[in-house]
Amino acid sequence: MGKKGKIGKQRRDKYYKLAKETGYRSRAAFKLVQLNKRFGFLDSARAVVDLCAAPGGWMQVACQAMPVSSLVIGVDLAPIKPIRNAIALQGDITKEDTRQAIKRELQNWQADVVLNDGAPNVGLNWIHDAFNQNVLVLAALKLATQILRRGGTFVTKVFRSADYACLITVFEKLFKKVHVWKPAASRLESAEIFVVCERYDKPPKVDPALLDMKRVFASQDEDQAKSTKKTSAEALLIGKQKKAKAEGYETGQLALRQTVNASEFVGSQDYLELLGGANEIILDKDVYRNAPETTEEVREYLKDLKVCGPRELRILLRWRKSFKAKEEAERKAKQAEEKAEEKPLDPDELEDKELAEIDELIAKAAEEEKAALKKKKKRMLKAKALLLKRKQLKMIIEGDKPDPVEDIELFSLRRIRRARELAEINKDKVDAPDYSLIDEEEDDEGLGDGDWETRQKDGNESGNQSKVRTKTMKMN
């Protein structure tokens, strides 16, 4: 007899083999192991209720992870083989008698953790199966609100579908923290994802509308109906069209999936918002695809951002930072090259540029500022004219370095006359006038400028009084 060519995918799965070796009843036990390792909700729990627990793999993990003498209760429609230190119940979690049976086992306790790994029987209609799964999650949440203590934890499996956002909204209204994560034991091709809801608020009364499937999924149903009508109308107007290539679930009907290009993610200032709102980052350029930083691990994280935890997100942020640093280095190198290629401006060009800037400032300045700017411009024009005159007289030759010390006029008739007048006033007998007492800056303005007054000479001289014109000066 020939050997079978096809073997179930679970037979080739490493977690299936590990479950056989460790004695777990199902490979799903490793999902709870990884969830508890990440969030630690079983380490201090004293009472745990596992909904849809068959065949009992999660109950086995709970008994091992919880403290000694803890209470573990498992409920399922199918019978569960007895597990040591655990209580197995058979019943429908949507029925009242099942809720009463769980409360009898809890006695006066309240559950610290409620687990739900249930799923409906999967058929050929994915939309129908996903909706039934969401309804089952809502029923498990309704039961959890009745047996869970304040500050407790609710862990459930959901299918990523159009109703996924509605469930997350309900969770956020009842719990203070909601985490979405996909453990490694969950197959990549599976649409399941796990939600860990921490710190239950436990209000005095839960609004029935919050747990009513007709109201929770009503808005989504209306959107789907509108989308279906629009599609039908377009089909009637356009006619028969070629069937599009299958590329996954259609946006707006089965999954809310958004993609972002890697170039946009690296270059954007709001990269955290893009990372939080996108489902996948596409490597749109070869510089990202062929870079050594883009490892196989990073590629897997970029394919589905919603299942990434803090560690994976930190790896993606470091990946972005490396490319951002490269782009910044290239930009600075390019600016340095452009700056090196630029021809240095001549002093005249620099001065003309500065004059143009002053003209622009004068146009924009207020009235009180214009006078100062005009005065500054006048001084610059005067200095420029003097420099041009010196060049014409060949006092300055092109190519020579300018002398940092300004030329000092050795002889000035005005300074000599001013020194003599000061000598007469002070009655100082000097052989030669002291030119250091004359302020050169004041002398530049000319004899006709400034304030003048007439002073009388006092002293022991003859009664003749002489009038001397002197420029007002501050004498120390």
Protein backbone atom coordinates (compact mmCIF):
# COMPACT_ATOMS: atom_id res chain seq x y z
CA MET A 1 0.00 0.00 0.00
CA GLY A 2 1.40 3.39 -0.98
CA LYS A 3 2.27 6.09 1.54
CA LYS A 4 -0.11 9.00 1.95
CA GLY A 5 1.06 12.03 0.07
CA LYS A 6 -0.82 14.61 2.13
CA ILE A 7 -0.41 15.08 5.86
CA GLY A 8 -2.41 17.55 7.95
CA LYS A 9 -0.65 20.85 8.55
CA GLN A 10 -0.90 20.31 12.28
CA ARG A 11 1.25 17.16 11.90
CA ARG A 12 4.09 19.27 10.54
CA ASP A 13 3.74 21.98 13.19
CA LYS A 14 6.42 22.14 15.89
CA TYR A 15 3.91 23.14 18.57
CA TYR A 16 1.86 20.05 17.80
CA LYS A 17 4.94 17.90 18.44
CA LEU A 18 5.80 19.86 21.59
CA ALA A 19 2.27 19.37 22.91
CA LYS A 20 2.64 15.61 22.41
CA GLU A 21 5.99 15.59 24.19
CA THR A 22 4.92 17.75 27.17
CA GLY A 23 1.54 16.10 27.67
CA TYR A 24 -0.70 19.02 26.71
CA ARG A 25 -4.03 18.07 25.19
CA SER A 26 -3.75 20.56 22.33
CA ARG A 27 -1.18 22.79 20.67
CA ALA A 28 -3.34 25.77 21.70
CA ALA A 29 -1.90 25.40 25.20
CA PHE A 30 1.26 27.17 24.02
CA LYS A 31 -0.82 30.21 23.02
CA LEU A 32 -1.82 30.67 26.67
CA VAL A 33 1.75 29.98 27.80
CA GLN A 34 3.03 32.78 25.59
CA LEU A 35 0.21 35.14 26.53
CA ASN A 36 0.86 34.63 30.23
CA LYS A 37 4.61 35.03 29.74
CA ARG A 38 3.98 38.43 28.16
CA PHE A 39 1.21 39.79 30.41
CA GLY A 40 1.50 37.64 33.56
CA PHE A 41 -2.22 37.50 34.43
CA LEU A 42 -2.08 33.91 35.80
CA ASP A 43 0.87 34.37 38.19
CA SER A 44 -1.22 35.85 41.01
CA ALA A 45 -4.71 34.65 40.07
CA ARG A 46 -6.65 32.62 42.65
CA ALA A 47 -9.71 31.75 40.55
CA VAL A 48 -9.85 31.24 36.77
CA VAL A 49 -12.82 30.38 34.56
CA ASP A 50 -12.03 28.94 31.12
CA LEU A 51 -14.92 29.25 28.65
CA CYS A 52 -15.06 26.87 25.67
CA ALA A 53 -12.29 24.90 27.38
CA ALA A 54 -12.42 21.54 25.55
CA PRO A 55 -10.23 19.53 25.28
CA GLY A 56 -8.63 21.21 28.32
CA GLY A 57 -5.21 22.43 27.20
CA TRP A 58 -5.71 25.91 28.67
CA MET A 59 -6.91 24.39 31.94
CA GLN A 60 -3.67 22.41 32.18
CA VAL A 61 -1.59 25.56 31.67
CA ALA A 62 -3.65 27.46 34.26
CA CYS A 63 -3.14 24.75 36.88
CA GLN A 64 0.62 24.86 36.33
CA ALA A 65 1.00 28.66 36.25
CA MET A 66 -1.31 29.62 39.13
CA PRO A 67 -0.41 29.47 42.84
CA VAL A 68 -1.08 26.30 44.83
CA SER A 69 -4.69 25.64 45.94
CA SER A 70 -6.13 27.89 43.23
CA LEU A 71 -9.51 27.28 41.61
CA VAL A 72 -9.71 26.39 37.91
CA ILE A 73 -13.12 25.90 36.26
CA GLY A 74 -13.56 24.84 32.63
CA VAL A 75 -16.85 24.99 30.67
CA ASP A 76 -17.68 23.63 27.21
CA LEU A 77 -20.53 22.12 25.24
CA ALA A 78 -18.42 18.99 24.73
CA PRO A 79 -17.43 16.86 27.71
CA ILE A 80 -13.94 17.46 29.15
CA LYS A 81 -11.89 14.63 30.52
CA PRO A 82 -11.04 15.15 34.21
CA ILE A 83 -7.96 17.24 34.99
CA ARG A 84 -6.23 17.16 38.34
CA ASN A 85 -6.94 20.20 40.55
CA ALA A 86 -9.52 21.49 38.05
CA ILE A 87 -13.33 21.40 37.73
CA ALA A 88 -14.87 20.54 34.35
CA LEU A 89 -18.46 21.56 33.54
CA GLN A 90 -20.55 20.80 30.46
CA GLY A 91 -22.94 23.45 29.24
CA ASP A 92 -23.73 26.34 26.93
CA ILE A 93 -22.19 29.65 28.07
CA THR A 94 -25.14 31.55 26.57
CA LYS A 95 -27.61 29.80 28.91
CA GLU A 96 -28.60 30.88 32.41
CA ASP A 97 -28.21 27.42 33.97
CA THR A 98 -24.54 27.34 32.92
CA ARG A 99 -23.94 30.71 34.59
CA GLN A 100 -25.59 29.45 37.78
CA ALA A 101 -23.43 26.30 37.72
CA ILE A 102 -20.26 28.40 37.47
CA LYS A 103 -21.39 30.59 40.38
CA ARG A 104 -22.06 27.52 42.52
CA GLU A 105 -18.51 26.32 41.96
CA LEU A 106 -17.11 29.76 42.71
CA GLN A 107 -19.24 29.99 45.88
CA ASN A 108 -18.43 33.38 47.43
CA TRP A 109 -15.41 33.99 45.21
CA GLN A 110 -15.16 36.09 42.09
CA ALA A 111 -12.98 35.12 39.16
CA ASP A 112 -9.63 36.89 38.77
CA VAL A 113 -9.27 35.83 35.12
CA VAL A 114 -11.82 34.72 32.50
CA LEU A 115 -10.42 32.95 29.43
CA ASN A 116 -12.16 32.37 26.12
CA ASP A 117 -10.61 30.37 23.28
CA GLY A 118 -13.88 29.37 21.68
CA ALA A 119 -14.64 29.36 17.98
CA PRO A 120 -17.67 28.24 15.94
CA ASN A 121 -17.56 25.36 13.52
CA VAL A 122 -15.84 26.81 10.48
CA GLY A 123 -17.65 26.33 7.18
CA LEU A 124 -17.24 27.64 3.66
CA ASN A 125 -18.66 31.12 4.26
CA TRP A 126 -15.97 33.23 5.89
CA ILE A 127 -18.25 36.23 6.57
CA HIS A 128 -20.76 34.01 8.39
CA ASP A 129 -18.03 32.28 10.43
CA ALA A 130 -16.40 35.57 11.43
CA PHE A 131 -19.73 37.03 12.54
CA ASN A 132 -20.55 33.92 14.62
CA GLN A 133 -17.15 34.17 16.27
CA ASN A 134 -17.77 37.80 17.23
CA VAL A 135 -21.21 36.90 18.63
CA LEU A 136 -19.59 34.15 20.71
CA VAL A 137 -17.00 36.62 22.03
CA LEU A 138 -19.79 39.03 23.01
CA ALA A 139 -21.58 36.20 24.87
CA ALA A 140 -18.36 35.30 26.70
CA LEU A 141 -17.89 38.95 27.65
CA LYS A 142 -21.45 39.12 28.99
CA LEU A 143 -20.79 36.12 31.23
CA ALA A 144 -17.41 37.58 32.30
CA THR A 145 -19.06 40.81 33.49
CA GLN A 146 -21.18 38.74 35.91
CA ILE A 147 -18.41 36.63 37.48
CA LEU A 148 -15.27 38.78 37.11
CA ARG A 149 -14.02 40.82 40.07
CA ARG A 150 -13.09 44.50 39.92
CA GLY A 151 -9.62 44.83 38.38
CA GLY A 152 -9.84 41.36 36.79
CA THR A 153 -8.59 40.26 33.37
CA PHE A 154 -10.51 38.98 30.36
CA VAL A 155 -8.59 37.13 27.61
CA THR A 156 -10.38 36.19 24.41
CA LYS A 157 -9.75 35.11 20.85
CA VAL A 158 -11.32 37.13 18.04
CA PHE A 159 -11.24 36.99 14.25
CA ARG A 160 -9.97 40.07 12.43
CA SER A 161 -12.97 41.06 10.39
CA ALA A 162 -15.22 44.04 9.78
CA ASP A 163 -16.73 43.67 13.29
CA TYR A 164 -13.33 43.65 14.99
CA ALA A 165 -13.33 47.42 15.63
CA CYS A 166 -16.79 47.25 17.23
CA LEU A 167 -15.59 44.66 19.74
CA ILE A 168 -12.51 46.69 20.63
CA THR A 169 -14.77 49.69 21.31
CA VAL A 170 -16.86 47.62 23.73
CA PHE A 171 -13.75 46.33 25.50
CA GLU A 172 -12.38 49.83 25.97
CA LYS A 173 -15.60 50.94 27.67
CA LEU A 174 -15.39 48.18 30.31
CA PHE A 175 -11.63 47.80 30.84
CA LYS A 176 -8.91 50.37 31.47
CA LYS A 177 -6.28 48.63 29.34
CA VAL A 178 -6.84 46.66 26.13
CA HIS A 179 -3.91 44.85 24.46
CA VAL A 180 -4.06 43.17 21.04
CA TRP A 181 -1.40 40.54 20.39
CA LYS A 182 -0.81 37.45 18.27
CA PRO A 183 1.37 34.80 19.95
CA ALA A 184 3.92 32.85 17.94
CA ALA A 185 1.98 29.62 18.50
CA SER A 186 -0.88 31.02 16.42
CA ARG A 187 -0.39 30.20 12.76
CA LEU A 188 0.43 33.14 10.52
CA GLU A 189 -2.24 32.19 7.98
CA SER A 190 -4.90 32.14 10.71
CA ALA A 191 -7.14 35.20 11.10
CA GLU A 192 -7.32 34.76 14.86
CA ILE A 193 -5.87 37.32 17.21
CA PHE A 194 -5.97 37.57 20.99
CA VAL A 195 -7.19 40.50 23.07
CA VAL A 196 -6.07 40.88 26.70
CA CYS A 197 -8.37 43.24 28.65
CA GLU A 198 -6.94 44.31 32.01
CA ARG A 199 -8.36 46.14 35.07
CA TYR A 200 -12.09 45.56 34.81
CA ASP A 201 -14.09 48.61 35.99
CA LYS A 202 -17.08 46.51 37.21
CA PRO A 203 -19.81 49.15 37.11
CA PRO A 204 -22.87 48.67 39.38
CA LYS A 205 -24.95 47.90 36.30
CA VAL A 206 -23.76 47.17 32.78
CA ASP A 207 -25.79 48.77 30.02
CA PRO A 208 -27.61 45.93 28.19
CA ALA A 209 -27.18 47.79 24.88
CA LEU A 210 -23.41 47.52 25.32
CA LEU A 211 -23.61 43.70 25.09
CA ASP A 212 -26.47 43.42 22.60
CA MET A 213 -25.14 42.08 19.30
CA LYS A 214 -27.87 43.82 17.29
CA ARG A 215 -26.80 47.22 18.59
CA VAL A 216 -23.06 46.58 18.75
CA PHE A 217 -22.84 45.44 15.13
CA ALA A 218 -25.71 47.62 13.81
CA SER A 219 -23.49 50.40 12.42
CA GLN A 220 -21.28 47.87 10.68
CA ASP A 221 -24.30 46.15 9.13
CA GLU A 222 -25.57 49.48 7.78
CA ASP A 223 -22.20 50.23 6.20
CA GLN A 224 -22.11 46.80 4.62
CA ALA A 225 -25.66 47.21 3.27
CA LYS A 226 -24.78 50.56 1.72
CA SER A 227 -21.63 49.10 0.22
CA THR A 228 -23.59 46.15 -1.19
CA LYS A 229 -26.21 48.46 -2.76
CA LYS A 230 -23.55 50.63 -4.30
CA THR A 231 -21.74 47.63 -5.72
CA SER A 232 -24.96 46.26 -7.22
CA ALA A 233 -25.84 49.62 -8.81
CA GLU A 234 -22.38 49.97 -10.29
CA ALA A 235 -22.62 46.45 -11.71
CA LEU A 236 -25.90 47.30 -13.44
CA LEU A 237 -24.50 50.51 -14.92
CA ILE A 238 -21.12 49.18 -15.99
CA GLY A 239 -22.20 45.72 -16.97
CA LYS A 240 -20.23 42.53 -16.81
CA GLN A 241 -16.64 43.06 -15.80
CA LYS A 242 -13.61 40.88 -15.60
CA LYS A 243 -13.16 39.33 -12.19
CA ALA A 244 -10.42 41.06 -10.23
CA LYS A 245 -7.41 39.16 -9.07
CA ALA A 246 -7.80 37.84 -5.54
CA GLU A 247 -5.53 39.83 -3.24
CA GLY A 248 -7.06 39.09 0.15
CA TYR A 249 -10.16 40.43 1.82
CA GLU A 250 -11.81 43.49 0.34
CA THR A 251 -11.34 46.72 2.26
CA GLY A 252 -14.45 47.85 4.12
CA GLN A 253 -16.21 44.49 4.01
CA LEU A 254 -14.03 41.90 5.68
CA ALA A 255 -10.97 43.64 7.08
CA LEU A 256 -9.90 47.19 7.80
CA ARG A 257 -6.38 47.04 6.40
CA GLN A 258 -4.24 50.07 5.67
CA THR A 259 -0.79 50.06 4.10
CA VAL A 260 1.99 52.67 4.26
CA ASN A 261 5.09 52.95 2.08
CA ALA A 262 8.45 52.62 3.82
CA SER A 263 9.65 55.94 2.34
CA GLU A 264 6.69 57.73 3.90
CA PHE A 265 7.25 56.00 7.25
CA VAL A 266 10.96 56.92 7.34
CA GLY A 267 10.54 60.50 6.18
CA SER A 268 7.43 61.48 8.14
CA GLN A 269 7.57 63.44 11.38
CA ASP A 270 4.40 61.68 12.58
CA TYR A 271 5.87 58.22 12.17
CA LEU A 272 4.34 56.99 15.45
CA GLU A 273 0.83 57.79 14.22
CA LEU A 274 1.53 56.01 10.94
CA LEU A 275 2.87 53.01 12.83
CA GLY A 276 -0.19 52.89 15.06
CA GLY A 277 -2.76 53.26 12.28
CA ALA A 278 -1.25 51.03 9.57
CA ASN A 279 -1.51 47.28 9.20
CA GLU A 280 1.48 46.84 6.89
CA ILE A 281 4.54 48.79 5.75
CA ILE A 282 5.49 48.14 2.14
CA LEU A 283 9.15 48.25 1.08
CA ASP A 284 8.62 50.49 -1.95
CA LYS A 285 12.30 51.18 -2.78
CA ASP A 286 15.36 49.03 -3.36
CA VAL A 287 17.30 51.00 -0.76
CA TYR A 288 14.99 49.52 1.88
CA ARG A 289 14.61 46.06 0.35
CA ASN A 290 18.31 45.39 -0.21
CA ALA A 291 19.70 47.03 2.93
CA PRO A 292 21.42 44.77 5.50
CA GLU A 293 19.24 46.33 8.22
CA THR A 294 16.13 44.83 6.59
CA THR A 295 16.47 41.34 8.02
CA GLU A 296 13.96 38.54 7.63
CA GLU A 297 12.69 39.27 11.12
CA VAL A 298 12.00 42.90 10.22
CA ARG A 299 10.22 41.83 7.03
CA GLU A 300 7.84 39.64 9.04
CA TYR A 301 7.10 42.47 11.46
CA LEU A 302 6.40 44.88 8.59
CA LYS A 303 3.84 42.50 7.10
CA ASP A 304 1.44 42.70 10.08
CA LEU A 305 1.96 45.58 12.50
CA LYS A 306 -1.15 44.85 14.55
CA VAL A 307 0.37 41.73 16.06
CA CYS A 308 3.63 43.44 17.04
CA GLY A 309 4.32 43.98 20.70
CA PRO A 310 6.60 46.55 22.40
CA ARG A 311 9.75 44.57 21.57
CA GLU A 312 8.87 44.25 17.87
CA LEU A 313 7.89 47.92 17.64
CA ARG A 314 11.21 48.96 19.18
CA ILE A 315 13.00 46.91 16.53
CA LEU A 316 11.02 48.69 13.78
CA LEU A 317 11.79 52.10 15.27
CA ARG A 318 15.51 51.27 15.36
CA TRP A 319 15.22 50.12 11.73
CA ARG A 320 13.67 53.48 10.79
CA LYS A 321 16.28 55.40 12.80
CA SER A 322 19.14 53.75 10.88
CA PHE A 323 17.71 54.84 7.52
CA LYS A 324 16.92 58.30 8.87
CA ALA A 325 20.55 58.70 9.97
CA LYS A 326 21.77 57.63 6.52
CA GLU A 327 19.50 60.14 4.79
CA GLU A 328 20.63 62.90 7.13
CA ALA A 329 24.30 62.12 6.48
CA GLU A 330 23.71 62.16 2.71
CA ARG A 331 21.88 65.47 2.97
CA LYS A 332 24.72 67.08 4.94
CA ALA A 333 27.32 65.74 2.51
CA LYS A 334 25.36 67.16 -0.42
CA GLN A 335 25.09 70.56 1.29
CA ALA A 336 28.84 70.54 1.95
CA GLU A 337 29.53 69.82 -1.72
CA GLU A 338 27.22 72.60 -2.86
CA LYS A 339 28.82 74.98 -0.41
CA ALA A 340 32.30 74.04 -1.63
CA GLU A 341 31.27 74.63 -5.24
CA GLU A 342 29.87 78.08 -4.51
CA LYS A 343 32.20 80.93 -5.53
CA PRO A 344 33.14 83.20 -2.60
CA LEU A 345 31.71 86.69 -2.91
CA ASP A 346 33.95 89.75 -3.32
CA PRO A 347 33.94 92.40 -0.56
CA ASP A 348 32.08 94.74 -2.91
CA GLU A 349 29.44 92.12 -3.60
CA LEU A 350 29.07 91.45 0.11
CA GLU A 351 28.66 95.14 0.76
CA ASP A 352 26.08 95.50 -2.01
CA LYS A 353 24.22 92.54 -0.58
CA GLU A 354 24.24 94.12 2.87
CA LEU A 355 22.97 97.41 1.45
CA ALA A 356 20.14 95.56 -0.27
CA GLU A 357 19.22 93.90 3.02
CA ILE A 358 19.21 97.30 4.73
CA ASP A 359 16.90 98.68 2.03
CA GLU A 360 14.56 95.78 2.64
CA LEU A 361 14.63 96.39 6.38
CA ILE A 362 13.91 100.09 5.85
CA ALA A 363 10.86 99.22 3.79
CA LYS A 364 9.52 96.91 6.52
CA ALA A 365 10.65 98.90 9.58
CA ALA A 366 8.56 101.31 11.61
CA GLU A 367 9.00 105.07 11.43
CA GLU A 368 11.26 105.28 14.50
CA GLU A 369 13.53 102.53 13.15
CA LYS A 370 13.90 103.99 9.67
CA ALA A 371 16.07 106.88 10.84
CA ALA A 372 18.66 104.58 12.41
CA LEU A 373 18.74 102.33 9.36
CA LYS A 374 19.09 105.30 7.00
CA LYS A 375 21.93 106.64 9.11
CA LYS A 376 23.69 103.29 8.97
CA LYS A 377 23.23 103.17 5.20
CA LYS A 378 24.63 106.71 4.88
CA ARG A 379 27.78 105.73 6.81
CA MET A 380 28.25 102.68 4.63
CA LEU A 381 27.89 104.71 1.42
CA LYS A 382 30.36 107.28 2.73
CA ALA A 383 32.88 104.54 3.58
CA LYS A 384 32.35 102.99 0.16
CA ALA A 385 32.95 106.30 -1.61
CA LEU A 386 36.11 106.89 0.43
CA LEU A 387 37.38 103.41 -0.44
CA LEU A 388 36.67 104.03 -4.14
CA LYS A 389 38.54 107.35 -4.01
CA ARG A 390 41.55 105.68 -2.41
CA LYS A 391 41.55 103.05 -5.10
CA GLN A 392 41.48 105.73 -7.79
CA LEU A 393 44.47 107.48 -6.12
CA LYS A 394 46.20 104.09 -6.02
CA MET A 395 46.41 104.25 -2.25
CA ILE A 396 44.95 100.74 -2.20
CA ILE A 397 46.11 98.10 -4.64
CA GLU A 398 43.94 95.12 -5.59
CA GLY A 399 45.08 91.90 -3.95
CA ASP A 400 46.59 93.53 -0.86
CA LYS A 401 45.20 92.54 2.51
CA PRO A 402 43.37 95.42 4.15
CA ASP A 403 45.12 96.97 7.13
CA PRO A 404 43.04 96.29 10.21
CA VAL A 405 44.17 99.62 11.68
CA GLU A 406 42.54 102.64 10.06
CA ASP A 407 44.84 105.32 8.59
CA ILE A 408 45.46 108.27 10.89
CA GLU A 409 45.94 111.73 9.40
CA LEU A 410 49.29 113.01 10.58
CA PHE A 411 48.56 116.67 10.01
CA SER A 412 45.34 118.60 10.51
CA LEU A 413 45.15 122.39 10.61
CA ARG A 414 41.87 122.24 12.42
CA ARG A 415 43.39 120.14 15.19
CA ILE A 416 46.30 122.57 15.57
CA ARG A 417 43.96 125.56 15.84
CA ARG A 418 41.75 123.81 18.33
CA ALA A 419 44.79 122.92 20.48
CA ARG A 420 45.91 126.57 20.56
CA GLU A 421 42.47 127.73 21.64
CA LEU A 422 42.45 125.21 24.48
CA ALA A 423 45.90 126.38 25.56
CA GLU A 424 44.71 129.99 25.78
CA ILE A 425 41.68 129.01 27.82
CA ASN A 426 43.64 126.95 30.31
CA LYS A 427 46.53 129.47 30.31
CA ASP A 428 48.89 126.65 29.76
CA LYS A 429 52.27 127.68 28.45
CA VAL A 430 53.23 124.98 26.12
CA ASP A 431 55.87 124.93 23.51
CA ALA A 432 53.76 122.78 21.24
CA PRO A 433 50.07 122.07 21.25
CA ASP A 434 48.92 118.77 22.73
CA TYR A 435 47.02 117.12 19.92
CA SER A 436 45.89 114.21 22.08
CA LEU A 437 43.21 116.40 23.70
CA ILE A 438 41.37 116.75 20.44
CA ASP A 439 38.67 114.21 19.70
CA GLU A 440 39.14 113.08 16.13
CA GLU A 441 35.54 111.93 15.78
CA GLU A 442 34.22 115.38 16.69
CA ASP A 443 36.73 117.08 14.40
CA ASP A 444 35.50 115.05 11.44
CA GLU A 445 32.22 116.89 11.46
CA GLY A 446 33.88 120.24 10.53
CA LEU A 447 34.10 123.65 12.17
CA GLY A 448 30.65 124.70 11.14
CA ASP A 449 28.90 121.86 13.03
CA GLY A 450 28.06 121.56 16.69
CA ASP A 451 26.94 123.99 19.38
CA TRP A 452 29.01 127.13 19.95
CA GLU A 453 29.02 129.57 22.84
CA THR A 454 30.91 132.75 23.80
CA ARG A 455 32.97 132.62 26.98
CA GLN A 456 34.79 135.49 28.79
CA LYS A 457 38.28 135.03 30.06
CA ASP A 458 38.74 135.73 33.78
CA GLY A 459 41.99 136.17 35.62
CA ASN A 460 44.62 138.67 36.57
CA GLU A 461 45.07 139.92 33.06
CA SER A 462 44.26 143.50 32.06
CA GLY A 463 40.67 144.57 31.89
CA ASN A 464 40.54 143.70 28.28
CA GLN A 465 38.17 140.87 27.77
CA SER A 466 38.58 138.57 24.84
CA LYS A 467 35.85 136.45 23.42
CA VAL A 468 36.77 133.01 22.30
CA ARG A 469 34.59 130.75 20.17
CA THR A 470 34.85 127.27 21.60
CA LYS A 471 33.09 124.12 20.76
CA THR A 472 31.21 122.57 23.66
CA MET A 473 33.36 119.77 25.03
CA LYS A 474 33.26 117.53 28.04
CA MET A 475 36.37 118.15 30.10
CA ASN A 476 37.52 115.62 32.68
